[in-house]
Structure formats: C-alpha cells, structure tokens
N, C-alpha and C. Protein backbone atom coordinates (compact mmCIF):
# COMPACT_ATOMS: atom_id res chain seq x y z
N MET A 1 117.14 108.61 66.55
CA MET A 1 117.20 108.85 67.98
C MET A 1 118.37 109.78 68.28
N ASN A 2 118.06 110.83 68.97
CA ASN A 2 119.09 111.73 69.44
C ASN A 2 119.50 111.32 70.84
N ILE A 3 120.74 111.61 71.19
CA ILE A 3 121.22 111.33 72.54
C ILE A 3 120.55 112.31 73.49
N ASN A 4 119.94 111.78 74.57
CA ASN A 4 119.33 112.68 75.55
C ASN A 4 119.83 112.42 76.97
N LEU A 5 120.90 111.62 77.11
CA LEU A 5 121.49 111.34 78.41
C LEU A 5 122.90 111.90 78.48
N GLY A 6 123.23 112.53 79.59
CA GLY A 6 124.58 113.04 79.82
C GLY A 6 125.50 111.93 80.31
N LYS A 7 126.79 112.24 80.42
CA LYS A 7 127.78 111.24 80.80
C LYS A 7 127.52 110.66 82.18
N PHE A 8 127.20 111.52 83.15
CA PHE A 8 126.94 111.02 84.50
C PHE A 8 125.72 110.12 84.51
N ASP A 9 124.68 110.50 83.80
CA ASP A 9 123.45 109.71 83.74
C ASP A 9 123.71 108.35 83.08
N ILE A 10 124.52 108.32 82.05
CA ILE A 10 124.85 107.08 81.36
C ILE A 10 125.58 106.12 82.29
N VAL A 11 126.61 106.63 82.97
CA VAL A 11 127.40 105.79 83.88
C VAL A 11 126.56 105.31 85.05
N ALA A 12 125.75 106.21 85.62
CA ALA A 12 124.91 105.84 86.76
C ALA A 12 123.90 104.76 86.36
N ARG A 13 123.27 104.91 85.20
CA ARG A 13 122.30 103.91 84.75
C ARG A 13 122.98 102.57 84.51
N PHE A 14 124.16 102.59 83.92
CA PHE A 14 124.86 101.35 83.62
C PHE A 14 125.28 100.63 84.91
N VAL A 15 125.87 101.35 85.85
CA VAL A 15 126.33 100.73 87.10
C VAL A 15 125.16 100.24 87.94
N ILE A 16 124.15 101.08 88.13
CA ILE A 16 122.99 100.69 88.92
C ILE A 16 122.22 99.56 88.23
N GLY A 17 122.14 99.61 86.91
CA GLY A 17 121.46 98.56 86.17
C GLY A 17 122.14 97.21 86.30
N LEU A 18 123.47 97.18 86.18
CA LEU A 18 124.19 95.92 86.33
C LEU A 18 124.05 95.39 87.75
N GLY A 19 124.16 96.26 88.73
CA GLY A 19 123.99 95.83 90.12
C GLY A 19 122.60 95.29 90.38
N SER A 20 121.60 95.93 89.82
CA SER A 20 120.22 95.47 89.98
C SER A 20 119.99 94.13 89.30
N MET A 21 120.60 93.93 88.15
CA MET A 21 120.45 92.66 87.46
C MET A 21 121.09 91.52 88.25
N VAL A 22 122.27 91.77 88.80
CA VAL A 22 122.96 90.74 89.59
C VAL A 22 122.17 90.43 90.86
N ALA A 23 121.74 91.47 91.57
CA ALA A 23 120.96 91.26 92.80
C ALA A 23 119.63 90.59 92.49
N GLY A 24 118.99 91.00 91.43
CA GLY A 24 117.71 90.41 91.05
C GLY A 24 117.85 88.96 90.63
N ALA A 25 118.91 88.64 89.90
CA ALA A 25 119.14 87.24 89.50
C ALA A 25 119.38 86.38 90.73
N TYR A 26 120.14 86.90 91.69
CA TYR A 26 120.37 86.15 92.93
C TYR A 26 119.06 85.92 93.67
N MET A 27 118.26 86.97 93.80
CA MET A 27 116.99 86.84 94.51
C MET A 27 116.05 85.88 93.79
N ALA A 28 116.02 85.93 92.48
CA ALA A 28 115.08 85.11 91.71
C ALA A 28 115.46 83.63 91.73
N PHE A 29 116.74 83.32 91.58
CA PHE A 29 117.14 81.93 91.43
C PHE A 29 117.56 81.29 92.75
N ALA A 30 118.24 82.00 93.60
CA ALA A 30 118.70 81.41 94.86
C ALA A 30 117.59 81.37 95.90
N MET A 31 116.75 82.40 95.93
CA MET A 31 115.72 82.47 96.96
C MET A 31 114.31 82.27 96.39
N SER A 32 114.19 81.97 95.12
CA SER A 32 112.89 81.78 94.45
C SER A 32 111.93 82.92 94.75
N ASN A 33 112.38 84.12 94.47
CA ASN A 33 111.63 85.33 94.79
C ASN A 33 111.18 86.01 93.50
N VAL A 34 109.90 86.31 93.36
CA VAL A 34 109.36 86.97 92.17
C VAL A 34 109.86 88.41 92.09
N TYR A 35 110.08 89.03 93.22
CA TYR A 35 110.58 90.41 93.23
C TYR A 35 111.97 90.49 92.60
N GLY A 36 112.71 89.42 92.68
CA GLY A 36 114.02 89.38 92.05
C GLY A 36 113.92 89.49 90.54
N LEU A 37 112.93 88.84 89.96
CA LEU A 37 112.73 88.95 88.50
C LEU A 37 112.39 90.39 88.11
N ALA A 38 111.56 91.04 88.91
CA ALA A 38 111.21 92.43 88.62
C ALA A 38 112.44 93.33 88.74
N LEU A 39 113.25 93.09 89.76
CA LEU A 39 114.47 93.89 89.94
C LEU A 39 115.44 93.67 88.80
N ALA A 40 115.59 92.43 88.36
CA ALA A 40 116.47 92.13 87.23
C ALA A 40 115.96 92.77 85.95
N PHE A 41 114.64 92.77 85.76
CA PHE A 41 114.04 93.39 84.58
C PHE A 41 114.29 94.90 84.55
N VAL A 42 114.07 95.56 85.67
CA VAL A 42 114.31 97.01 85.75
C VAL A 42 115.80 97.30 85.55
N GLY A 43 116.67 96.47 86.11
CA GLY A 43 118.10 96.63 85.90
C GLY A 43 118.48 96.48 84.45
N GLY A 44 117.83 95.56 83.76
CA GLY A 44 118.09 95.39 82.33
C GLY A 44 117.68 96.61 81.53
N ILE A 45 116.54 97.20 81.89
CA ILE A 45 116.10 98.41 81.20
C ILE A 45 117.08 99.55 81.43
N LEU A 46 117.54 99.72 82.67
CA LEU A 46 118.51 100.78 82.96
C LEU A 46 119.81 100.56 82.20
N THR A 47 120.27 99.32 82.14
CA THR A 47 121.52 99.02 81.43
C THR A 47 121.38 99.30 79.94
N VAL A 48 120.28 98.89 79.34
CA VAL A 48 120.08 99.10 77.90
C VAL A 48 119.97 100.59 77.58
N THR A 49 119.22 101.36 78.39
CA THR A 49 119.11 102.79 78.12
C THR A 49 120.45 103.48 78.31
N GLY A 50 121.25 103.00 79.25
CA GLY A 50 122.59 103.57 79.42
C GLY A 50 123.49 103.28 78.23
N LEU A 51 123.40 102.08 77.68
CA LEU A 51 124.20 101.73 76.51
C LEU A 51 123.75 102.47 75.26
N MET A 52 122.43 102.69 75.13
CA MET A 52 121.90 103.38 73.96
C MET A 52 122.07 104.90 74.05
N LYS A 53 122.34 105.41 75.26
CA LYS A 53 122.47 106.84 75.52
C LYS A 53 121.18 107.59 75.20
N TRP A 54 120.07 106.88 75.30
CA TRP A 54 118.76 107.45 74.99
C TRP A 54 117.72 106.84 75.90
N CYS A 55 116.90 107.68 76.51
CA CYS A 55 115.85 107.21 77.41
C CYS A 55 114.50 107.59 76.81
N PRO A 56 113.61 106.61 76.59
CA PRO A 56 112.31 106.94 76.01
C PRO A 56 111.45 107.82 76.91
N MET A 57 111.56 107.67 78.22
CA MET A 57 110.78 108.52 79.13
C MET A 57 111.26 109.97 79.07
N TYR A 58 112.56 110.17 78.95
CA TYR A 58 113.08 111.52 78.77
C TYR A 58 112.54 112.12 77.48
N ALA A 59 112.48 111.32 76.41
CA ALA A 59 111.98 111.80 75.12
C ALA A 59 110.50 112.17 75.20
N ILE A 60 109.71 111.39 75.91
CA ILE A 60 108.29 111.67 76.03
C ILE A 60 108.05 112.99 76.74
N PHE A 61 108.80 113.23 77.82
CA PHE A 61 108.61 114.45 78.61
C PHE A 61 109.49 115.61 78.17
N GLY A 62 110.31 115.42 77.13
CA GLY A 62 111.13 116.49 76.60
C GLY A 62 112.31 116.86 77.49
N LEU A 63 112.83 115.91 78.24
CA LEU A 63 113.95 116.16 79.14
C LEU A 63 115.27 115.77 78.49
N ARG A 64 116.34 116.37 78.96
CA ARG A 64 117.69 116.04 78.51
C ARG A 64 118.63 116.23 79.69
N SER A 65 119.62 115.37 79.81
CA SER A 65 120.65 115.58 80.81
C SER A 65 122.00 115.81 80.17
N CYS A 66 122.02 115.92 78.85
CA CYS A 66 123.27 116.19 78.13
C CYS A 66 123.25 117.63 77.63
N PRO A 67 124.44 118.21 77.43
CA PRO A 67 124.49 119.58 76.92
C PRO A 67 124.05 119.64 75.46
N LEU A 68 123.52 120.78 75.07
CA LEU A 68 123.08 120.96 73.69
C LEU A 68 124.27 121.17 72.77
N ASP A 69 124.19 120.64 71.57
CA ASP A 69 125.21 120.89 70.57
C ASP A 69 125.06 122.31 70.04
N ALA A 70 126.08 122.80 69.36
CA ALA A 70 126.03 124.16 68.81
C ALA A 70 124.92 124.32 67.79
N THR A 71 124.62 123.25 67.04
CA THR A 71 123.57 123.34 66.03
C THR A 71 122.18 123.32 66.65
N GLU A 72 122.04 122.80 67.87
CA GLU A 72 120.73 122.71 68.51
C GLU A 72 120.40 123.94 69.35
N ARG A 73 121.33 124.86 69.52
CA ARG A 73 121.11 126.02 70.39
C ARG A 73 120.35 127.14 69.71
N ARG A 74 120.15 127.04 68.43
CA ARG A 74 119.47 128.12 67.70
C ARG A 74 118.03 128.23 68.04
C-alpha cells in the first residue's frame, strides 16, 4: 500500500472520525438511535483510513492528496 493521503487529509479524517464516533456512540447508547451506530461506523472508517494514511476509495479512482515523491514523478 502506498500512501495516498496528504497531511491535511489525514488530520481532517482523524479529527472528524473521532468526533463522529463519539457523537454516534452517544446517539446509539443514550438515545437508542440506529443512526448513531451508522455514524459511529463511518467515524471508525474515517479514523482507520487516517491512521493508515491510505484510502481505498482514492486508490480505486486513482486519486491522491499527497505530493509525489521524486521517484514517482518520472
């Protein structure tokens, strides 16, 4: 797996993912809301992709938000 996320994208995914997981957990357990589970699940995916520095959807569509290395510019 090559890194395909830039620094801003990594931080944004991590922060938004953690916030979504906390909000989703609150909605799911305190208010017995199914949408909370979905929100927590999506937050977990964002957090994991931020930690891995790799997004499978970016890989499928050939996108990158990180700069190319000198060896990849050829």
